[in-house]
């Protein structure tokens, strides 16, 4: 798994490439926890290049969502497609997460909150 960060104004985009499974889902949590410690408020997790996600990946997203929500920080998950979308749908979490179609849509949604 590869995690890259980029920034649009005060919104940080976390681009994930590779599988989000039991071997590396914790890496995403660690990156977000470091960013939370720096008091970053607005996040987009881009799943465009994630082809596989297991329960550990779902657990990481739930953990990230709840940690950000506790601190009144905002998250959008974007580019949820294919098997990743099916996993999120099967776990009945499509309504739990705030999901946008693209990075651009996620940015627009978060800009309205800034």
Protein backbone atom coordinates (compact mmCIF):
# COMPACT_ATOMS: atom_id res chain seq x y z
CA UNK A 1 0.00 0.00 0.00
CA UNK A 2 1.11 3.52 -0.77
CA UNK A 3 -0.30 6.61 0.92
CA UNK A 4 0.26 10.05 -0.57
CA UNK A 5 -0.88 13.37 0.84
CA UNK A 6 -1.76 16.46 -1.11
CA UNK A 7 -3.47 19.66 -0.13
CA UNK A 8 -6.13 21.91 -1.57
CA UNK A 9 -6.36 25.04 0.59
CA UNK A 10 -7.10 23.71 4.10
CA UNK A 11 -8.37 20.34 2.81
CA UNK A 12 -5.97 17.40 2.91
CA UNK A 13 -6.43 14.63 0.37
CA UNK A 14 -5.18 11.17 1.34
CA UNK A 15 -4.62 9.13 -1.83
CA UNK A 16 -4.41 5.40 -1.15
CA UNK A 17 -2.99 2.95 -3.67
CA UNK A 18 -3.12 -0.79 -3.09
CA UNK A 19 -5.15 -3.06 -0.87
CA UNK A 20 -6.66 -1.96 2.45
CA UNK A 21 -6.41 -5.22 4.34
CA UNK A 22 -5.22 -6.59 7.66
CA UNK A 23 -1.60 -6.12 6.65
CA UNK A 24 -1.72 -2.38 6.05
CA UNK A 25 -5.04 -0.79 7.10
CA UNK A 26 -3.28 0.36 10.27
CA UNK A 27 -0.97 2.53 8.15
CA UNK A 28 -3.93 4.68 7.10
CA UNK A 29 -4.99 5.07 10.74
CA UNK A 30 -1.45 6.09 11.70
CA UNK A 31 -1.28 8.75 8.98
CA UNK A 32 -4.66 10.20 9.99
CA UNK A 33 -3.76 10.14 13.70
CA UNK A 34 -0.60 12.14 12.92
CA UNK A 35 -2.69 14.65 10.99
CA UNK A 36 -5.26 14.87 13.83
CA UNK A 37 -2.42 15.64 16.23
CA UNK A 38 -1.52 18.57 13.95
CA UNK A 39 -5.15 19.77 14.24
CA UNK A 40 -5.93 19.41 10.54
CA UNK A 41 -9.70 19.88 10.17
CA UNK A 42 -10.72 18.73 6.67
CA UNK A 43 -9.98 15.35 5.10
CA UNK A 44 -10.69 13.51 1.88
CA UNK A 45 -9.81 9.83 1.65
CA UNK A 46 -9.45 8.93 -2.02
CA UNK A 47 -10.09 5.22 -2.67
CA UNK A 48 -9.75 5.49 -6.46
CA UNK A 49 -6.74 3.15 -6.56
CA UNK A 50 -7.90 0.68 -3.90
CA UNK A 51 -9.01 -2.54 -5.56
CA UNK A 52 -9.49 -4.69 -2.45
CA UNK A 53 -10.70 -3.96 1.06
CA UNK A 54 -11.38 -6.44 3.84
CA UNK A 55 -12.89 -6.02 7.30
CA UNK A 56 -9.65 -4.44 8.56
CA UNK A 57 -9.98 -1.72 5.92
CA UNK A 58 -13.61 -1.15 6.89
CA UNK A 59 -12.54 -1.05 10.54
CA UNK A 60 -9.89 1.55 9.74
CA UNK A 61 -12.45 3.76 7.96
CA UNK A 62 -14.90 3.45 10.87
CA UNK A 63 -12.14 4.30 13.35
CA UNK A 64 -11.03 7.33 11.30
CA UNK A 65 -14.63 8.52 10.90
CA UNK A 66 -15.35 8.27 14.63
CA UNK A 67 -12.08 9.94 15.69
CA UNK A 68 -12.67 12.87 13.34
CA UNK A 69 -16.30 13.19 14.36
CA UNK A 70 -15.34 13.34 18.08
CA UNK A 71 -13.14 16.34 17.31
CA UNK A 72 -15.64 18.07 14.96
CA UNK A 73 -13.33 17.49 12.01
CA UNK A 74 -14.80 16.76 8.57
CA UNK A 75 -14.27 13.76 6.29
CA UNK A 76 -15.35 12.78 2.81
CA UNK A 77 -14.57 9.42 1.28
CA UNK A 78 -14.37 9.59 -2.51
CA UNK A 79 -14.11 7.35 -5.57
CA UNK A 80 -15.81 4.36 -3.93
CA UNK A 81 -16.23 1.88 -6.79
CA UNK A 82 -16.04 -1.78 -7.71
CA UNK A 83 -15.41 -4.36 -5.02
CA UNK A 84 -14.69 -1.67 -2.41
CA UNK A 85 -18.17 -0.24 -2.98
CA UNK A 86 -19.66 -3.73 -2.64
CA UNK A 87 -17.90 -4.29 0.69
CA UNK A 88 -19.17 -0.95 2.03
CA UNK A 89 -22.68 -1.72 0.76
CA UNK A 90 -22.66 -5.23 2.26
CA UNK A 91 -21.67 -3.83 5.65
CA UNK A 92 -24.54 -1.30 5.38
CA UNK A 93 -22.12 1.63 5.78
CA UNK A 94 -22.97 3.65 2.64
CA UNK A 95 -25.18 5.91 4.77
CA UNK A 96 -22.73 6.00 7.69
CA UNK A 97 -19.88 7.55 5.70
CA UNK A 98 -20.20 10.80 3.80
CA UNK A 99 -19.27 9.70 0.31
CA UNK A 100 -18.64 11.88 -2.72
CA UNK A 101 -18.24 10.76 -6.33
CA UNK A 102 -14.86 12.41 -6.93
CA UNK A 103 -12.12 14.42 -5.25
CA UNK A 104 -13.57 17.54 -6.89
CA UNK A 105 -17.04 16.81 -5.43
CA UNK A 106 -15.52 16.13 -2.00
CA UNK A 107 -13.66 19.43 -2.10
CA UNK A 108 -16.83 21.29 -3.08
CA UNK A 109 -18.77 19.70 -0.22
CA UNK A 110 -16.07 20.54 2.34
CA UNK A 111 -15.60 24.10 1.02
CA UNK A 112 -19.23 24.76 1.95
CA UNK A 113 -18.35 23.93 5.58
CA UNK A 114 -15.22 26.08 5.85
